[in-house]
């Protein structure tokens, strides 16, 4: 593992460094790898490390991390759950329809000619492109 201080990381984001949040942050960020996770997967990982945490706490922490900019929420995967992405720069994904696995599309490999104007009174907050593969 890299030298990762979960408490400092959380505090820098303006989040309280509770024990469950620290356990979650270590799993998500300590090794520096980009990953796509669901709350259910993360709950299993936390439990396997001897830190059982309520699923509601996992969801709340993931949403707090996303609100703080440390995670990106990926929608449109066809799954019931939101997938959380540790790679927060704008990018898009391949979705394997058989396995449900998300894979990042490398920067620069997908370009859009234009994005439609938002309806009156609305602004575009962002967009995610998910290309389904088999």
Protein backbone atom coordinates (compact mmCIF):
# COMPACT_ATOMS: atom_id res chain seq x y z
CA UNK A 1 0.00 0.00 0.00
CA UNK A 2 1.02 3.55 -0.63
CA UNK A 3 1.42 5.94 2.30
CA UNK A 4 -2.27 6.81 2.56
CA UNK A 5 -3.74 8.55 5.59
CA UNK A 6 -7.49 8.01 5.39
CA UNK A 7 -8.26 10.42 8.23
CA UNK A 8 -6.33 13.27 6.60
CA UNK A 9 -7.85 12.48 3.21
CA UNK A 10 -11.38 12.69 4.59
CA UNK A 11 -10.68 15.83 6.60
CA UNK A 12 -9.24 17.55 3.51
CA UNK A 13 -12.57 16.83 1.81
CA UNK A 14 -14.42 18.40 4.74
CA UNK A 15 -15.74 15.05 5.98
CA UNK A 16 -15.58 13.67 9.50
CA UNK A 17 -13.03 10.88 9.68
CA UNK A 18 -15.19 8.25 11.36
CA UNK A 19 -13.90 4.71 11.60
CA UNK A 20 -16.32 3.37 8.92
CA UNK A 21 -15.43 6.22 6.54
CA UNK A 22 -11.73 5.56 7.04
CA UNK A 23 -12.19 1.86 6.25
CA UNK A 24 -14.13 2.76 3.09
CA UNK A 25 -11.56 5.38 2.02
CA UNK A 26 -8.68 2.92 2.44
CA UNK A 27 -10.38 0.36 0.18
CA UNK A 28 -11.22 2.95 -2.46
CA UNK A 29 -8.10 5.11 -2.53
CA UNK A 30 -5.10 3.65 -0.65
CA UNK A 31 -3.57 1.78 -3.59
CA UNK A 32 -4.08 4.63 -6.08
CA UNK A 33 -5.90 2.38 -8.56
CA UNK A 34 -8.97 3.53 -10.46
CA UNK A 35 -11.98 1.35 -9.77
CA UNK A 36 -15.72 1.12 -10.32
CA UNK A 37 -17.69 -0.01 -7.27
CA UNK A 38 -21.22 -0.49 -6.06
CA UNK A 39 -22.28 -0.05 -2.45
CA UNK A 40 -22.95 -3.78 -2.21
CA UNK A 41 -19.46 -4.70 -3.44
CA UNK A 42 -17.90 -2.21 -1.06
CA UNK A 43 -19.92 -3.53 1.90
CA UNK A 44 -18.55 -7.01 1.20
CA UNK A 45 -14.97 -5.72 0.96
CA UNK A 46 -15.26 -3.76 4.20
CA UNK A 47 -16.74 -6.79 5.95
CA UNK A 48 -13.92 -9.05 4.69
CA UNK A 49 -11.44 -6.67 6.28
CA UNK A 50 -13.12 -7.10 9.65
CA UNK A 51 -14.94 -3.76 9.62
CA UNK A 52 -18.61 -4.62 9.09
CA UNK A 53 -20.47 -1.43 8.25
CA UNK A 54 -24.20 -0.98 7.66
CA UNK A 55 -25.17 -0.73 4.01
CA UNK A 56 -26.86 2.62 4.72
CA UNK A 57 -23.53 3.95 6.03
CA UNK A 58 -21.81 2.71 2.87
CA UNK A 59 -24.35 4.50 0.68
CA UNK A 60 -24.16 7.69 2.73
CA UNK A 61 -20.36 7.67 2.62
CA UNK A 62 -20.25 7.05 -1.13
CA UNK A 63 -22.65 9.93 -1.74
CA UNK A 64 -20.67 12.20 0.61
CA UNK A 65 -17.45 11.33 -1.22
CA UNK A 66 -19.15 12.03 -4.55
CA UNK A 67 -20.52 15.35 -3.28
CA UNK A 68 -16.99 16.26 -2.14
CA UNK A 69 -15.60 15.45 -5.61
CA UNK A 70 -13.62 12.33 -4.68
CA UNK A 71 -15.95 9.97 -6.57
CA UNK A 72 -17.99 10.20 -9.71
CA UNK A 73 -21.43 8.59 -9.99
CA UNK A 74 -21.99 6.63 -13.20
CA UNK A 75 -25.59 6.14 -14.23
CA UNK A 76 -27.03 4.45 -17.28
CA UNK A 77 -25.39 1.11 -16.67
CA UNK A 78 -28.71 -0.71 -16.78
CA UNK A 79 -28.06 -1.94 -13.26
CA UNK A 80 -30.32 -1.07 -10.36
CA UNK A 81 -27.39 0.44 -8.50
CA UNK A 82 -25.31 3.52 -9.15
CA UNK A 83 -21.70 2.68 -9.89
CA UNK A 84 -19.13 4.91 -8.20
CA UNK A 85 -15.91 5.67 -10.06
CA UNK A 86 -12.68 6.75 -8.34
CA UNK A 87 -11.46 8.33 -11.60
CA UNK A 88 -13.21 11.69 -11.46
CA UNK A 89 -11.98 13.39 -14.62
CA UNK A 90 -14.60 13.52 -17.39
CA UNK A 91 -14.55 10.23 -19.30
CA UNK A 92 -16.90 7.58 -20.64
CA UNK A 93 -17.29 3.83 -20.28
CA UNK A 94 -17.74 0.50 -21.99
CA UNK A 95 -20.28 -1.75 -20.26
CA UNK A 96 -19.99 -5.49 -20.79
CA UNK A 97 -23.63 -6.59 -20.94
CA UNK A 98 -22.77 -10.15 -19.93
CA UNK A 99 -20.70 -9.38 -16.84
CA UNK A 100 -21.81 -5.86 -15.89
CA UNK A 101 -18.16 -4.76 -15.83
CA UNK A 102 -17.42 -1.11 -16.59
CA UNK A 103 -14.20 -0.21 -18.37
CA UNK A 104 -12.93 3.33 -18.85
CA UNK A 105 -12.72 4.57 -22.41
CA UNK A 106 -9.27 6.17 -22.74
CA UNK A 107 -9.17 9.95 -23.02
CA UNK A 108 -9.44 11.22 -26.57
CA UNK A 109 -10.98 8.06 -28.05
CA UNK A 110 -14.52 9.40 -28.04
CA UNK A 111 -15.54 12.81 -29.34
CA UNK A 112 -18.96 14.36 -29.70
CA UNK A 113 -19.84 16.65 -32.55
CA UNK A 114 -22.36 18.55 -30.48
CA UNK A 115 -24.51 18.37 -27.40
CA UNK A 116 -28.14 19.48 -27.68
CA UNK A 117 -29.28 22.62 -25.90
CA UNK A 118 -30.99 22.02 -22.58
CA UNK A 119 -34.73 22.73 -22.41
CA UNK A 120 -35.71 26.26 -21.41
CA UNK A 121 -34.94 27.02 -17.80
CA UNK A 122 -32.52 24.10 -17.46
CA UNK A 123 -28.75 23.75 -17.71
CA UNK A 124 -26.71 20.69 -18.57
CA UNK A 125 -24.97 19.42 -15.44
CA UNK A 126 -22.92 16.82 -17.29
CA UNK A 127 -23.30 13.67 -19.32
CA UNK A 128 -22.08 10.10 -19.24
CA UNK A 129 -21.79 7.92 -22.30
CA UNK A 130 -21.96 4.20 -21.69
CA UNK A 131 -21.24 2.04 -24.74
CA UNK A 132 -22.56 -1.48 -24.32
CA UNK A 133 -20.38 -4.36 -25.50
CA UNK A 134 -20.69 -8.18 -25.61
